[in-house]
Amino acid sequence: MTLARISATLEARNAIIRALEAYGPLILHTSGGRVGGRLFPICLPAGALRIGARDHLLGEVEGVQVYEMEDRDGTWRNTASTYILDVAQGPAIGFSIAAGPGQRFTLRKAGHDKHDPSNRCCNES
């Protein structure tokens, strides 16, 4: 399997560095399916989430591995060759470590405007 290329905005890189300093080793994970989990990855301490056969490594940012989980039907939609990790306003998803006060991590395909509400990262239209 070929890894996707993942880049990150300066804001996202700084958020990861702060989280690494506060929590130690981390992992970023996006859920399968056509829900917000693909758009808003969760950030967890490494080892807090068991990585299985349905989780695919997309790449790394600041040494933090980024995974995407297969859809329920066994497919996974690594349709973009390049992803961008960013930070957006809003609460962290579920039990995710926040990107900052009132901020969460986001993941989108390269070339998509981060302000465009139709950007749904990995979902195919």
C-alpha atoms as a PDB file:
ATOM      1  CA  MET A   1       0.000   0.000   0.000  1.00  0.00           C
ATOM      2  CA  THR A   2       1.242   3.482  -0.888  1.00  0.00           C
ATOM      3  CA  LEU A   3       0.997   6.148   1.768  1.00  0.00           C
ATOM      4  CA  ALA A   4      -0.888   9.314   0.955  1.00  0.00           C
ATOM      5  CA  ARG A   5       1.031  12.532   1.328  1.00  0.00           C
ATOM      6  CA  ILE A   6      -0.044  14.546   4.325  1.00  0.00           C
ATOM      7  CA  SER A   7       0.907  18.120   4.946  1.00  0.00           C
ATOM      8  CA  ALA A   8      -0.267  20.429   7.684  1.00  0.00           C
ATOM      9  CA  THR A   9      -0.805  24.098   8.199  1.00  0.00           C
ATOM     10  CA  LEU A  10       1.498  25.894  10.599  1.00  0.00           C
ATOM     11  CA  GLU A  11      -1.416  26.196  13.031  1.00  0.00           C
ATOM     12  CA  ALA A  12      -1.996  22.422  12.952  1.00  0.00           C
ATOM     13  CA  ARG A  13       1.712  21.674  13.364  1.00  0.00           C
ATOM     14  CA  ASN A  14       1.903  23.998  16.363  1.00  0.00           C
ATOM     15  CA  ALA A  15      -1.210  22.376  17.867  1.00  0.00           C
ATOM     16  CA  ILE A  16       0.352  18.929  17.483  1.00  0.00           C
ATOM     17  CA  ILE A  17       3.598  20.083  19.062  1.00  0.00           C
ATOM     18  CA  ARG A  18       1.686  21.543  22.042  1.00  0.00           C
ATOM     19  CA  ALA A  19      -0.330  18.329  22.403  1.00  0.00           C
ATOM     20  CA  LEU A  20       2.835  16.203  22.194  1.00  0.00           C
ATOM     21  CA  GLU A  21       4.385  18.269  24.985  1.00  0.00           C
ATOM     22  CA  ALA A  22       1.262  17.914  27.135  1.00  0.00           C
ATOM     23  CA  TYR A  23       0.296  14.283  26.418  1.00  0.00           C
ATOM     24  CA  GLY A  24       3.331  12.516  24.984  1.00  0.00           C
ATOM     25  CA  PRO A  25       3.104  10.318  21.856  1.00  0.00           C
ATOM     26  CA  LEU A  26      -0.130  10.772  19.879  1.00  0.00           C
ATOM     27  CA  ILE A  27      -2.174   9.283  17.048  1.00  0.00           C
ATOM     28  CA  LEU A  28      -4.724  10.879  14.705  1.00  0.00           C
ATOM     29  CA  HIS A  29      -7.569   8.707  13.419  1.00  0.00           C
ATOM     30  CA  THR A  30     -10.451   9.294  11.002  1.00  0.00           C
ATOM     31  CA  SER A  31     -13.471   7.016  11.013  1.00  0.00           C
ATOM     32  CA  GLY A  32     -14.885   5.200   8.032  1.00  0.00           C
ATOM     33  CA  GLY A  33     -18.263   6.046   6.601  1.00  0.00           C
ATOM     34  CA  ARG A  34     -19.758   9.288   5.399  1.00  0.00           C
ATOM     35  CA  VAL A  35     -19.905  11.106   8.710  1.00  0.00           C
ATOM     36  CA  GLY A  36     -17.986  13.968  10.315  1.00  0.00           C
ATOM     37  CA  GLY A  37     -15.358  11.589  11.654  1.00  0.00           C
ATOM     38  CA  ARG A  38     -13.664  11.745   8.270  1.00  0.00           C
ATOM     39  CA  LEU A  39     -13.615  15.504   8.290  1.00  0.00           C
ATOM     40  CA  PHE A  40     -12.657  15.828  11.961  1.00  0.00           C
ATOM     41  CA  PRO A  41     -10.029  13.270  13.018  1.00  0.00           C
ATOM     42  CA  ILE A  42      -9.685  12.407  16.670  1.00  0.00           C
ATOM     43  CA  CYS A  43      -6.364  12.975  18.398  1.00  0.00           C
ATOM     44  CA  LEU A  44      -5.522  10.473  21.121  1.00  0.00           C
ATOM     45  CA  PRO A  45      -2.552   9.384  23.193  1.00  0.00           C
ATOM     46  CA  ALA A  46      -0.712   6.648  21.291  1.00  0.00           C
ATOM     47  CA  GLY A  47      -1.919   3.289  22.552  1.00  0.00           C
ATOM     48  CA  ALA A  48      -5.368   4.603  23.535  1.00  0.00           C
ATOM     49  CA  LEU A  49      -6.835   3.196  20.321  1.00  0.00           C
ATOM     50  CA  ARG A  50      -6.056  -0.267  19.081  1.00  0.00           C
ATOM     51  CA  ILE A  51      -5.083  -0.157  15.398  1.00  0.00           C
ATOM     52  CA  GLY A  52      -6.504  -3.087  13.480  1.00  0.00           C
ATOM     53  CA  ALA A  53      -6.538  -4.553  10.006  1.00  0.00           C
ATOM     54  CA  ARG A  54      -9.236  -2.068   8.895  1.00  0.00           C
ATOM     55  CA  ASP A  55      -7.111   0.967   9.821  1.00  0.00           C
ATOM     56  CA  HIS A  56      -4.853   2.293   7.058  1.00  0.00           C
ATOM     57  CA  LEU A  57      -1.860   4.525   7.678  1.00  0.00           C
ATOM     58  CA  LEU A  58      -2.174   7.668   5.565  1.00  0.00           C
ATOM     59  CA  GLY A  59       1.094   9.256   6.706  1.00  0.00           C
ATOM     60  CA  GLU A  60       2.642  11.290   9.507  1.00  0.00           C
ATOM     61  CA  VAL A  61       2.667  14.900  10.674  1.00  0.00           C
ATOM     62  CA  GLU A  62       5.306  15.957  13.213  1.00  0.00           C
ATOM     63  CA  GLY A  63       5.932  12.259  13.881  1.00  0.00           C
ATOM     64  CA  VAL A  64       2.253  11.605  14.651  1.00  0.00           C
ATOM     65  CA  GLN A  65       0.736   8.817  12.565  1.00  0.00           C
ATOM     66  CA  VAL A  66      -2.559   9.562  10.791  1.00  0.00           C
ATOM     67  CA  TYR A  67      -4.902   6.633  10.108  1.00  0.00           C
ATOM     68  CA  GLU A  68      -8.151   6.206   8.214  1.00  0.00           C
ATOM     69  CA  MET A  69     -10.573   3.386   9.009  1.00  0.00           C
ATOM     70  CA  GLU A  70     -12.305   1.397   6.264  1.00  0.00           C
ATOM     71  CA  ASP A  71     -16.006   1.880   5.643  1.00  0.00           C
ATOM     72  CA  ARG A  72     -18.308  -0.819   6.955  1.00  0.00           C
ATOM     73  CA  ASP A  73     -18.387  -2.427   3.523  1.00  0.00           C
ATOM     74  CA  GLY A  74     -14.609  -2.952   3.652  1.00  0.00           C
ATOM     75  CA  THR A  75     -13.612  -0.124   1.331  1.00  0.00           C
ATOM     76  CA  TRP A  76     -11.569   2.870   2.249  1.00  0.00           C
ATOM     77  CA  ARG A  77     -11.587   6.118   0.416  1.00  0.00           C
ATOM     78  CA  ASN A  78      -7.986   7.239   0.199  1.00  0.00           C
ATOM     79  CA  THR A  79      -9.084   9.104  -2.910  1.00  0.00           C
ATOM     80  CA  ALA A  80      -6.781  12.068  -2.504  1.00  0.00           C
ATOM     81  CA  SER A  81      -3.083  11.697  -2.986  1.00  0.00           C
ATOM     82  CA  THR A  82      -2.496  14.637  -0.650  1.00  0.00           C
ATOM     83  CA  TYR A  83      -4.316  15.610   2.526  1.00  0.00           C
ATOM     84  CA  ILE A  84      -3.963  18.745   4.629  1.00  0.00           C
ATOM     85  CA  LEU A  85      -4.313  18.668   8.397  1.00  0.00           C
ATOM     86  CA  ASP A  86      -5.639  21.947   9.751  1.00  0.00           C
ATOM     87  CA  VAL A  87      -7.352  23.464  12.784  1.00  0.00           C
ATOM     88  CA  ALA A  88     -10.896  24.859  12.909  1.00  0.00           C
ATOM     89  CA  GLN A  89     -13.112  26.517  15.472  1.00  0.00           C
ATOM     90  CA  GLY A  90     -15.395  24.132  17.338  1.00  0.00           C
ATOM     91  CA  PRO A  91     -15.192  21.576  20.103  1.00  0.00           C
ATOM     92  CA  ALA A  92     -12.998  18.516  19.748  1.00  0.00           C
ATOM     93  CA  ILE A  93     -14.929  15.447  18.593  1.00  0.00           C
ATOM     94  CA  GLY A  94     -15.836  12.935  21.310  1.00  0.00           C
ATOM     95  CA  PHE A  95     -12.896  12.187  23.552  1.00  0.00           C
ATOM     96  CA  SER A  96     -10.325  13.737  21.210  1.00  0.00           C
ATOM     97  CA  ILE A  97      -7.564  15.966  22.488  1.00  0.00           C
ATOM     98  CA  ALA A  98      -8.435  19.511  21.383  1.00  0.00           C
ATOM     99  CA  ALA A  99      -6.228  21.348  18.910  1.00  0.00           C
ATOM    100  CA  GLY A 100      -6.487  24.322  21.273  1.00  0.00           C
ATOM    101  CA  PRO A 101      -9.152  26.060  23.360  1.00  0.00           C
ATOM    102  CA  GLY A 102     -12.371  25.785  21.340  1.00  0.00           C
ATOM    103  CA  GLN A 103     -10.534  24.209  18.391  1.00  0.00           C
ATOM    104  CA  ARG A 104     -10.437  20.835  16.686  1.00  0.00           C
ATOM    105  CA  PHE A 105      -8.341  19.192  14.006  1.00  0.00           C
ATOM    106  CA  THR A 106      -9.694  18.967  10.448  1.00  0.00           C
ATOM    107  CA  LEU A 107      -8.569  16.952   7.449  1.00  0.00           C
ATOM    108  CA  ARG A 108      -9.246  17.891   3.839  1.00  0.00           C
ATOM    109  CA  LYS A 109      -8.083  17.017   0.366  1.00  0.00           C
ATOM    110  CA  ALA A 110      -5.376  19.274  -0.994  1.00  0.00           C
ATOM    111  CA  GLY A 111      -6.779  21.830  -3.388  1.00  0.00           C
ATOM    112  CA  HIS A 112     -10.039  22.236  -1.459  1.00  0.00           C
ATOM    113  CA  ASP A 113     -10.843  25.601   0.095  1.00  0.00           C
ATOM    114  CA  LYS A 114     -10.919  25.210   3.866  1.00  0.00           C
ATOM    115  CA  HIS A 115     -13.765  27.732   4.075  1.00  0.00           C
ATOM    116  CA  ASP A 116     -15.958  25.877   1.555  1.00  0.00           C
ATOM    117  CA  PRO A 117     -18.676  24.008   3.498  1.00  0.00           C
ATOM    118  CA  SER A 118     -18.907  21.402   0.730  1.00  0.00           C
ATOM    119  CA  ASN A 119     -15.382  20.188   1.526  1.00  0.00           C
ATOM    120  CA  ARG A 120     -15.891  16.761   3.018  1.00  0.00           C
ATOM    121  CA  CYS A 121     -12.296  15.515   2.890  1.00  0.00           C
ATOM    122  CA  CYS A 122     -12.382  11.936   1.881  1.00  0.00           C
ATOM    123  CA  ASN A 123     -15.975  11.511   0.751  1.00  0.00           C
ATOM    124  CA  GLU A 124     -16.571  11.046  -2.921  1.00  0.00           C
ATOM    125  CA  SER A 125     -19.396  13.064  -4.449  1.00  0.00           C
END
